[in-house]
Amino acid sequence: MFVGSILKAKQDRYAAKKRRTNAVIKATASAPRLLVIRSLAHISAQVIWLDGSIIAYATDKDVKWTKSEKAFAVWKQIAEMTQKKWVNTVVFDRNWRIYHGRVAQVAAGAREWGLQF
């Protein structure tokens, strides 16, 4: 049971981090959320309206490059899809992850492409 309690404590810490970051993020009717999902091997992003409908979704599952190049591919796909839907302003949701590395690359690339946070 000791291992289970350690796992439960770790999950509780992650849930608390997510609650703290989501308390600040406020999507509006004119600015949907840009949610970045990062795992050890992959990164994906999606743009979501307030009602939960997905405007754009990009993943790196088919990309066979390094992790930073995968982040480059994701932000480029997201930026192209959102511009086709005439969305220029989004609220960045880093999903309790630290704004560093691949998460920051996705944000910087989306800004470079024309999305405003």
Protein backbone atom coordinates (compact mmCIF):
# COMPACT_ATOMS: atom_id res chain seq x y z
CA MET A 1 0.00 0.00 0.00
CA PHE A 2 2.94 2.35 0.43
CA VAL A 3 3.47 2.66 -3.34
CA GLY A 4 -0.23 3.45 -3.82
CA SER A 5 -0.12 6.29 -1.33
CA ILE A 6 2.93 7.82 -3.06
CA LEU A 7 1.13 7.63 -6.41
CA LYS A 8 -1.99 9.21 -4.90
CA ALA A 9 0.08 12.06 -3.43
CA LYS A 10 1.72 12.68 -6.81
CA GLN A 11 -1.66 12.77 -8.55
CA ASP A 12 -2.96 15.19 -5.92
CA ARG A 13 -0.01 17.53 -6.54
CA TYR A 14 -0.65 17.52 -10.30
CA ALA A 15 -4.37 18.17 -9.73
CA ALA A 16 -3.54 21.13 -7.47
CA LYS A 17 -1.16 22.57 -10.09
CA LYS A 18 -3.85 22.22 -12.75
CA ARG A 19 -6.44 23.97 -10.55
CA ARG A 20 -4.06 26.88 -9.90
CA THR A 21 -3.21 27.41 -13.56
CA ASN A 22 -6.81 26.99 -14.76
CA ALA A 23 -8.03 29.56 -12.23
CA VAL A 24 -6.13 32.24 -14.15
CA ILE A 25 -7.05 31.12 -17.68
CA LYS A 26 -10.28 32.72 -18.85
CA ALA A 27 -11.36 32.04 -22.40
CA THR A 28 -13.94 34.39 -23.87
CA ALA A 29 -16.35 34.19 -26.77
CA SER A 30 -13.87 36.05 -28.98
CA ALA A 31 -10.70 34.34 -27.68
CA PRO A 32 -10.74 30.53 -27.47
CA ARG A 33 -8.21 28.47 -25.47
CA LEU A 34 -5.00 27.14 -27.03
CA LEU A 35 -4.36 24.00 -24.98
CA VAL A 36 -0.91 22.39 -25.18
CA ILE A 37 -0.59 18.74 -24.15
CA ARG A 38 2.93 17.45 -23.61
CA SER A 39 4.17 13.99 -22.73
CA LEU A 40 7.69 12.65 -22.60
CA ALA A 41 7.70 11.63 -26.24
CA HIS A 42 4.96 13.67 -27.94
CA ILE A 43 3.31 17.06 -27.99
CA SER A 44 -0.08 18.11 -29.27
CA ALA A 45 -2.21 21.23 -29.21
CA GLN A 46 -5.83 22.12 -29.73
CA VAL A 47 -7.88 25.29 -29.90
CA ILE A 48 -11.17 25.03 -28.00
CA TRP A 49 -14.22 27.34 -27.83
CA LEU A 50 -16.02 28.03 -24.55
CA ASP A 51 -18.67 25.40 -25.27
CA GLY A 52 -15.99 22.72 -25.72
CA SER A 53 -16.03 22.43 -29.51
CA ILE A 54 -12.60 22.02 -31.08
CA ILE A 55 -11.56 24.49 -33.78
CA ALA A 56 -8.15 23.06 -34.59
CA TYR A 57 -6.09 20.08 -33.46
CA ALA A 58 -2.48 19.17 -34.24
CA THR A 59 -0.28 16.33 -33.07
CA ASP A 60 3.20 15.07 -33.81
CA LYS A 61 2.39 11.34 -33.96
CA ASP A 62 3.40 11.12 -37.65
CA VAL A 63 6.53 13.27 -37.34
CA LYS A 64 9.80 11.33 -36.99
CA TRP A 65 12.12 14.15 -35.91
CA THR A 66 13.58 15.41 -32.68
CA LYS A 67 11.29 16.72 -29.94
CA SER A 68 11.93 20.38 -30.72
CA GLU A 69 11.22 19.78 -34.41
CA LYS A 70 7.99 18.06 -33.40
CA ALA A 71 6.99 21.20 -31.47
CA PHE A 72 7.74 23.25 -34.60
CA ALA A 73 5.46 21.03 -36.68
CA VAL A 74 2.64 21.30 -34.13
CA TRP A 75 2.61 25.08 -33.87
CA LYS A 76 2.75 25.45 -37.62
CA GLN A 77 -0.28 23.17 -38.07
CA ILE A 78 -2.23 24.97 -35.33
CA ALA A 79 -1.47 28.41 -36.74
CA GLU A 80 -2.52 27.41 -40.25
CA MET A 81 -5.79 25.85 -39.04
CA THR A 82 -6.75 28.80 -36.86
CA GLN A 83 -6.06 31.30 -39.63
CA LYS A 84 -8.34 29.31 -41.94
CA LYS A 85 -11.09 29.66 -39.29
CA TRP A 86 -10.37 33.42 -38.90
CA VAL A 87 -9.23 33.11 -35.28
CA ASN A 88 -6.45 35.59 -34.45
CA THR A 89 -6.63 35.87 -30.64
CA VAL A 90 -6.36 32.95 -28.21
CA VAL A 91 -5.78 32.36 -24.51
CA PHE A 92 -2.74 30.15 -23.91
CA ASP A 93 -3.34 27.14 -21.63
CA ARG A 94 -0.10 25.35 -20.76
CA ASN A 95 -1.99 22.59 -18.89
CA TRP A 96 -0.01 22.93 -15.58
CA ARG A 97 3.28 22.47 -17.41
CA ILE A 98 6.15 24.89 -16.90
CA TYR A 99 6.40 27.53 -19.64
CA HIS A 100 9.73 26.21 -20.84
CA GLY A 101 11.15 24.07 -23.64
CA ARG A 102 8.67 22.60 -26.09
CA VAL A 103 5.67 24.33 -24.50
CA ALA A 104 7.37 27.70 -24.93
CA GLN A 105 8.35 26.78 -28.49
CA VAL A 106 4.73 26.11 -29.42
CA ALA A 107 3.70 29.47 -27.92
CA ALA A 108 6.53 31.42 -29.55
CA GLY A 109 5.90 29.80 -32.91
CA ALA A 110 2.18 30.52 -32.78
CA ARG A 111 2.93 34.17 -31.94
CA GLU A 112 5.42 34.30 -34.80
CA TRP A 113 2.77 32.97 -37.18
CA GLY A 114 0.30 35.66 -36.14
CA LEU A 115 -1.74 34.39 -33.19
CA GLN A 116 -2.09 36.87 -30.35
CA PHE A 117 -2.15 35.85 -26.68
